[in-house]
Amino acid sequence: MAESIIGLYKTEVIRPRGPWQGLEAVEFATLEWVDWFNNRRILEPIGDQPPAEAEAAYYRQTEHTALAA
């Protein structure tokens, strides 16, 4: 799994945005991509919503269920 994520990262960030001006530029681009990947990308398997929204909805539902019990 990690190898496919690294391949995706290289395909979406490293190759298209190069040549890089230094390590700091790569670090900032990586931070932006990881934020997008973890929080804002749209995922079909979870209802065409970003992971952060799906997680928040899950915890709201869990909290509501716990309060009802």
PDB file of N, CA and C in Angstrom:
ATOM      1  N   MET A   1       0.816  -1.187   0.000  1.00  0.00           N
ATOM      2  CA  MET A   1       0.000   0.000   0.000  1.00  0.00           C
ATOM      3  C   MET A   1       0.863   1.255   0.000  1.00  0.00           C
ATOM      4  N   ALA A   2       1.894   1.267   0.818  1.00  0.00           N
ATOM      5  CA  ALA A   2       2.756   2.447   0.897  1.00  0.00           C
ATOM      6  C   ALA A   2       3.406   2.739  -0.451  1.00  0.00           C
ATOM      7  N   GLU A   3       3.786   1.698  -1.173  1.00  0.00           N
ATOM      8  CA  GLU A   3       4.413   1.901  -2.475  1.00  0.00           C
ATOM      9  C   GLU A   3       3.459   2.569  -3.453  1.00  0.00           C
ATOM     10  N   SER A   4       2.183   2.247  -3.402  1.00  0.00           N
ATOM     11  CA  SER A   4       1.234   2.874  -4.323  1.00  0.00           C
ATOM     12  C   SER A   4       1.009   4.334  -3.956  1.00  0.00           C
ATOM     13  N   ILE A   5       1.022   4.665  -2.664  1.00  0.00           N
ATOM     14  CA  ILE A   5       0.880   6.059  -2.240  1.00  0.00           C
ATOM     15  C   ILE A   5       2.104   6.859  -2.679  1.00  0.00           C
ATOM     16  N   ILE A   6       3.275   6.290  -2.529  1.00  0.00           N
ATOM     17  CA  ILE A   6       4.488   6.988  -2.954  1.00  0.00           C
ATOM     18  C   ILE A   6       4.476   7.197  -4.459  1.00  0.00           C
ATOM     19  N   GLY A   7       4.031   6.206  -5.203  1.00  0.00           N
ATOM     20  CA  GLY A   7       3.930   6.343  -6.653  1.00  0.00           C
ATOM     21  C   GLY A   7       2.940   7.427  -7.040  1.00  0.00           C
ATOM     22  N   LEU A   8       1.810   7.477  -6.371  1.00  0.00           N
ATOM     23  CA  LEU A   8       0.817   8.517  -6.610  1.00  0.00           C
ATOM     24  C   LEU A   8       1.393   9.896  -6.296  1.00  0.00           C
ATOM     25  N   TYR A   9       2.073  10.018  -5.175  1.00  0.00           N
ATOM     26  CA  TYR A   9       2.718  11.270  -4.774  1.00  0.00           C
ATOM     27  C   TYR A   9       3.726  11.730  -5.829  1.00  0.00           C
ATOM     28  N   LYS A  10       4.553  10.825  -6.289  1.00  0.00           N
ATOM     29  CA  LYS A  10       5.544  11.183  -7.305  1.00  0.00           C
ATOM     30  C   LYS A  10       4.870  11.607  -8.604  1.00  0.00           C
ATOM     31  N   THR A  11       3.808  10.904  -8.985  1.00  0.00           N
ATOM     32  CA  THR A  11       3.098  11.206 -10.227  1.00  0.00           C
ATOM     33  C   THR A  11       2.367  12.535 -10.151  1.00  0.00           C
ATOM     34  N   GLU A  12       1.778  12.852  -8.998  1.00  0.00           N
ATOM     35  CA  GLU A  12       0.972  14.065  -8.875  1.00  0.00           C
ATOM     36  C   GLU A  12       1.755  15.295  -8.436  1.00  0.00           C
ATOM     37  N   VAL A  13       2.872  15.100  -7.738  1.00  0.00           N
ATOM     38  CA  VAL A  13       3.581  16.248  -7.178  1.00  0.00           C
ATOM     39  C   VAL A  13       4.997  16.392  -7.729  1.00  0.00           C
ATOM     40  N   ILE A  14       5.793  15.393  -7.539  1.00  0.00           N
ATOM     41  CA  ILE A  14       7.224  15.519  -7.806  1.00  0.00           C
ATOM     42  C   ILE A  14       7.526  15.725  -9.286  1.00  0.00           C
ATOM     43  N   ARG A  15       7.025  14.861 -10.137  1.00  0.00           N
ATOM     44  CA  ARG A  15       7.352  14.974 -11.570  1.00  0.00           C
ATOM     45  C   ARG A  15       6.735  16.205 -12.236  1.00  0.00           C
ATOM     46  N   PRO A  16       5.448  16.489 -12.045  1.00  0.00           N
ATOM     47  CA  PRO A  16       4.861  17.616 -12.772  1.00  0.00           C
ATOM     48  C   PRO A  16       5.338  18.986 -12.305  1.00  0.00           C
ATOM     49  N   ARG A  17       5.713  19.120 -11.053  1.00  0.00           N
ATOM     50  CA  ARG A  17       6.092  20.437 -10.532  1.00  0.00           C
ATOM     51  C   ARG A  17       7.580  20.722 -10.612  1.00  0.00           C
ATOM     52  N   GLY A  18       8.371  19.736 -10.976  1.00  0.00           N
ATOM     53  CA  GLY A  18       9.822  19.927 -11.045  1.00  0.00           C
ATOM     54  C   GLY A  18      10.223  20.762 -12.237  1.00  0.00           C
ATOM     55  N   PRO A  19      11.440  21.189 -12.364  1.00  0.00           N
ATOM     56  CA  PRO A  19      12.549  20.977 -11.433  1.00  0.00           C
ATOM     57  C   PRO A  19      12.376  21.837 -10.175  1.00  0.00           C
ATOM     58  N   TRP A  20      12.831  21.295  -9.083  1.00  0.00           N
ATOM     59  CA  TRP A  20      12.655  21.915  -7.784  1.00  0.00           C
ATOM     60  C   TRP A  20      13.795  22.876  -7.474  1.00  0.00           C
ATOM     61  N   GLN A  21      13.471  23.923  -6.748  1.00  0.00           N
ATOM     62  CA  GLN A  21      14.462  24.938  -6.396  1.00  0.00           C
ATOM     63  C   GLN A  21      15.200  24.618  -5.102  1.00  0.00           C
ATOM     64  N   GLY A  22      14.817  23.567  -4.435  1.00  0.00           N
ATOM     65  CA  GLY A  22      15.490  23.170  -3.200  1.00  0.00           C
ATOM     66  C   GLY A  22      14.604  22.288  -2.353  1.00  0.00           C
ATOM     67  N   LEU A  23      15.164  21.832  -1.277  1.00  0.00           N
ATOM     68  CA  LEU A  23      14.467  20.932  -0.368  1.00  0.00           C
ATOM     69  C   LEU A  23      13.238  21.595   0.243  1.00  0.00           C
ATOM     70  N   GLU A  24      13.335  22.858   0.581  1.00  0.00           N
ATOM     71  CA  GLU A  24      12.199  23.558   1.198  1.00  0.00           C
ATOM     72  C   GLU A  24      10.988  23.579   0.267  1.00  0.00           C
ATOM     73  N   ALA A  25      11.206  23.767  -1.021  1.00  0.00           N
ATOM     74  CA  ALA A  25      10.102  23.762  -1.985  1.00  0.00           C
ATOM     75  C   ALA A  25       9.427  22.397  -2.041  1.00  0.00           C
ATOM     76  N   VAL A  26      10.218  21.343  -1.990  1.00  0.00           N
ATOM     77  CA  VAL A  26       9.666  19.979  -1.989  1.00  0.00           C
ATOM     78  C   VAL A  26       8.885  19.735  -0.698  1.00  0.00           C
ATOM     79  N   GLU A  27       9.418  20.207   0.425  1.00  0.00           N
ATOM     80  CA  GLU A  27       8.735  20.011   1.701  1.00  0.00           C
ATOM     81  C   GLU A  27       7.376  20.708   1.721  1.00  0.00           C
ATOM     82  N   PHE A  28       7.306  21.950   1.243  1.00  0.00           N
ATOM     83  CA  PHE A  28       6.037  22.667   1.229  1.00  0.00           C
ATOM     84  C   PHE A  28       5.036  22.018   0.273  1.00  0.00           C
ATOM     85  N   ALA A  29       5.496  21.591  -0.885  1.00  0.00           N
ATOM     86  CA  ALA A  29       4.610  20.913  -1.830  1.00  0.00           C
ATOM     87  C   ALA A  29       4.088  19.611  -1.229  1.00  0.00           C
ATOM     88  N   THR A  30       4.938  18.915  -0.506  1.00  0.00           N
ATOM     89  CA  THR A  30       4.538  17.667   0.142  1.00  0.00           C
ATOM     90  C   THR A  30       3.480  17.933   1.203  1.00  0.00           C
ATOM     91  N   LEU A  31       3.676  18.960   2.013  1.00  0.00           N
ATOM     92  CA  LEU A  31       2.688  19.302   3.036  1.00  0.00           C
ATOM     93  C   LEU A  31       1.339  19.639   2.414  1.00  0.00           C
ATOM     94  N   GLU A  32       1.351  20.394   1.338  1.00  0.00           N
ATOM     95  CA  GLU A  32       0.102  20.744   0.653  1.00  0.00           C
ATOM     96  C   GLU A  32      -0.597  19.489   0.133  1.00  0.00           C
ATOM     97  N   TRP A  33       0.175  18.598  -0.490  1.00  0.00           N
ATOM     98  CA  TRP A  33      -0.408  17.387  -1.062  1.00  0.00           C
ATOM     99  C   TRP A  33      -0.964  16.478   0.028  1.00  0.00           C
ATOM    100  N   VAL A  34      -0.244  16.297   1.121  1.00  0.00           N
ATOM    101  CA  VAL A  34      -0.713  15.441   2.211  1.00  0.00           C
ATOM    102  C   VAL A  34      -1.989  16.017   2.814  1.00  0.00           C
ATOM    103  N   ASP A  35      -2.055  17.341   2.973  1.00  0.00           N
ATOM    104  CA  ASP A  35      -3.276  17.963   3.480  1.00  0.00           C
ATOM    105  C   ASP A  35      -4.441  17.698   2.539  1.00  0.00           C
ATOM    106  N   TRP A  36      -4.222  17.881   1.259  1.00  0.00           N
ATOM    107  CA  TRP A  36      -5.281  17.603   0.277  1.00  0.00           C
ATOM    108  C   TRP A  36      -5.684  16.129   0.330  1.00  0.00           C
ATOM    109  N   PHE A  37      -4.697  15.240   0.325  1.00  0.00           N
ATOM    110  CA  PHE A  37      -4.959  13.799   0.283  1.00  0.00           C
ATOM    111  C   PHE A  37      -5.745  13.342   1.507  1.00  0.00           C
ATOM    112  N   ASN A  38      -5.403  13.854   2.681  1.00  0.00           N
ATOM    113  CA  ASN A  38      -6.044  13.403   3.919  1.00  0.00           C
ATOM    114  C   ASN A  38      -7.349  14.116   4.243  1.00  0.00           C
ATOM    115  N   ASN A  39      -7.530  15.327   3.721  1.00  0.00           N
ATOM    116  CA  ASN A  39      -8.664  16.131   4.168  1.00  0.00           C
ATOM    117  C   ASN A  39      -9.640  16.565   3.092  1.00  0.00           C
ATOM    118  N   ARG A  40      -9.192  16.790   1.862  1.00  0.00           N
ATOM    119  CA  ARG A  40     -10.066  17.440   0.893  1.00  0.00           C
ATOM    120  C   ARG A  40     -10.380  16.635  -0.366  1.00  0.00           C
ATOM    121  N   ARG A  41      -9.676  15.556  -0.642  1.00  0.00           N
ATOM    122  CA  ARG A  41      -9.955  14.818  -1.877  1.00  0.00           C
ATOM    123  C   ARG A  41     -11.324  14.145  -1.779  1.00  0.00           C
ATOM    124  N   ILE A  42     -11.995  14.055  -2.878  1.00  0.00           N
ATOM    125  CA  ILE A  42     -13.331  13.469  -2.925  1.00  0.00           C
ATOM    126  C   ILE A  42     -13.201  11.966  -3.156  1.00  0.00           C
ATOM    127  N   LEU A  43     -13.871  11.183  -2.307  1.00  0.00           N
ATOM    128  CA  LEU A  43     -13.801   9.734  -2.419  1.00  0.00           C
ATOM    129  C   LEU A  43     -15.173   9.152  -2.700  1.00  0.00           C
ATOM    130  N   GLU A  44     -15.273   8.436  -3.802  1.00  0.00           N
ATOM    131  CA  GLU A  44     -16.536   7.798  -4.178  1.00  0.00           C
ATOM    132  C   GLU A  44     -16.995   6.739  -3.166  1.00  0.00           C
ATOM    133  N   PRO A  45     -16.086   5.888  -2.642  1.00  0.00           N
ATOM    134  CA  PRO A  45     -16.554   4.828  -1.726  1.00  0.00           C
ATOM    135  C   PRO A  45     -17.208   5.343  -0.440  1.00  0.00           C
ATOM    136  N   ILE A  46     -16.943   6.583  -0.076  1.00  0.00           N
ATOM    137  CA  ILE A  46     -17.557   7.115   1.148  1.00  0.00           C
ATOM    138  C   ILE A  46     -18.589   8.194   0.825  1.00  0.00           C
ATOM    139  N   GLY A  47     -19.209   8.084  -0.340  1.00  0.00           N
ATOM    140  CA  GLY A  47     -20.307   8.978  -0.671  1.00  0.00           C
ATOM    141  C   GLY A  47     -19.901  10.266  -1.343  1.00  0.00           C
ATOM    142  N   ASP A  48     -18.842  10.245  -2.122  1.00  0.00           N
ATOM    143  CA  ASP A  48     -18.368  11.435  -2.844  1.00  0.00           C
ATOM    144  C   ASP A  48     -18.165  12.622  -1.913  1.00  0.00           C
ATOM    145  N   GLN A  49     -17.484  12.355  -0.818  1.00  0.00           N
ATOM    146  CA  GLN A  49     -17.161  13.431   0.118  1.00  0.00           C
ATOM    147  C   GLN A  49     -15.710  13.293   0.561  1.00  0.00           C
ATOM    148  N   PRO A  50     -15.135  14.371   1.072  1.00  0.00           N
ATOM    149  CA  PRO A  50     -13.751  14.302   1.564  1.00  0.00           C
ATOM    150  C   PRO A  50     -13.667  13.448   2.827  1.00  0.00           C
ATOM    151  N   PRO A  51     -12.515  12.843   3.073  1.00  0.00           N
ATOM    152  CA  PRO A  51     -12.346  12.013   4.261  1.00  0.00           C
ATOM    153  C   PRO A  51     -12.620  12.774   5.566  1.00  0.00           C
ATOM    154  N   ALA A  52     -12.202  14.029   5.652  1.00  0.00           N
ATOM    155  CA  ALA A  52     -12.420  14.790   6.884  1.00  0.00           C
ATOM    156  C   ALA A  52     -13.907  14.968   7.167  1.00  0.00           C
ATOM    157  N   GLU A  53     -14.705  15.204   6.135  1.00  0.00           N
ATOM    158  CA  GLU A  53     -16.151  15.338   6.327  1.00  0.00           C
ATOM    159  C   GLU A  53     -16.781  14.016   6.738  1.00  0.00           C
ATOM    160  N   ALA A  54     -16.354  12.927   6.134  1.00  0.00           N
ATOM    161  CA  ALA A  54     -16.887  11.606   6.487  1.00  0.00           C
ATOM    162  C   ALA A  54     -16.549  11.261   7.932  1.00  0.00           C
ATOM    163  N   GLU A  55     -15.335  11.578   8.343  1.00  0.00           N
ATOM    164  CA  GLU A  55     -14.936  11.302   9.718  1.00  0.00           C
ATOM    165  C   GLU A  55     -15.752  12.138  10.704  1.00  0.00           C
ATOM    166  N   ALA A  56     -15.937  13.422  10.404  1.00  0.00           N
ATOM    167  CA  ALA A  56     -16.732  14.286  11.282  1.00  0.00           C
ATOM    168  C   ALA A  56     -18.169  13.782  11.387  1.00  0.00           C
ATOM    169  N   ALA A  57     -18.739  13.362  10.261  1.00  0.00           N
ATOM    170  CA  ALA A  57     -20.104  12.832  10.271  1.00  0.00           C
ATOM    171  C   ALA A  57     -20.180  11.552  11.097  1.00  0.00           C
ATOM    172  N   TYR A  58     -19.182  10.711  10.985  1.00  0.00           N
ATOM    173  CA  TYR A  58     -19.147   9.472  11.769  1.00  0.00           C
ATOM    174  C   TYR A  58     -19.156   9.775  13.267  1.00  0.00           C
ATOM    175  N   TYR A  59     -18.293  10.708  13.684  1.00  0.00           N
ATOM    176  CA  TYR A  59     -18.223  11.019  15.110  1.00  0.00           C
ATOM    177  C   TYR A  59     -19.478  11.732  15.607  1.00  0.00           C
ATOM    178  N   ARG A  60     -20.108  12.541  14.763  1.00  0.00           N
ATOM    179  CA  ARG A  60     -21.384  13.148  15.151  1.00  0.00           C
ATOM    180  C   ARG A  60     -22.434  12.065  15.372  1.00  0.00           C
ATOM    181  N   GLN A  61     -22.482  11.091  14.467  1.00  0.00           N
ATOM    182  CA  GLN A  61     -23.434   9.994  14.586  1.00  0.00           C
ATOM    183  C   GLN A  61     -23.150   9.151  15.822  1.00  0.00           C
ATOM    184  N   THR A  62     -21.885   8.875  16.064  1.00  0.00           N
ATOM    185  CA  THR A  62     -21.486   8.085  17.231  1.00  0.00           C
ATOM    186  C   THR A  62     -21.861   8.814  18.508  1.00  0.00           C
ATOM    187  N   GLU A  63     -21.610  10.113  18.550  1.00  0.00           N
ATOM    188  CA  GLU A  63     -21.937  10.908  19.726  1.00  0.00           C
ATOM    189  C   GLU A  63     -23.445  10.934  19.950  1.00  0.00           C
ATOM    190  N   HIS A  64     -24.191  11.099  18.875  1.00  0.00           N
ATOM    191  CA  HIS A  64     -25.657  11.129  18.975  1.00  0.00           C
ATOM    192  C   HIS A  64     -26.198   9.787  19.456  1.00  0.00           C
ATOM    193  N   THR A  65     -25.640   8.700  18.965  1.00  0.00           N
ATOM    194  CA  THR A  65     -26.061   7.366  19.377  1.00  0.00           C
ATOM    195  C   THR A  65     -25.738   7.128  20.856  1.00  0.00           C
ATOM    196  N   ALA A  66     -24.572   7.591  21.297  1.00  0.00           N
ATOM    197  CA  ALA A  66     -24.179   7.410  22.698  1.00  0.00           C
ATOM    198  C   ALA A  66     -25.085   8.217  23.622  1.00  0.00           C
ATOM    199  N   LEU A  67     -25.477   9.401  23.200  1.00  0.00           N
ATOM    200  CA  LEU A  67     -26.365  10.233  24.016  1.00  0.00           C
ATOM    201  C   LEU A  67     -27.752   9.621  24.117  1.00  0.00           C
ATOM    202  N   ALA A  68     -28.213   8.960  23.032  1.00  0.00           N
ATOM    203  CA  ALA A  68     -29.535   8.360  23.020  1.00  0.00           C
ATOM    204  C   ALA A  68     -29.607   7.108  23.900  1.00  0.00           C
ATOM    205  N   ALA A  69     -28.467   6.474  24.099  1.00  0.00           N
ATOM    206  CA  ALA A  69     -28.455   5.227  24.883  1.00  0.00           C
ATOM    207  C   ALA A  69     -28.439   5.510  26.317  1.00  0.00           C
TER     208      ALA A  69
END
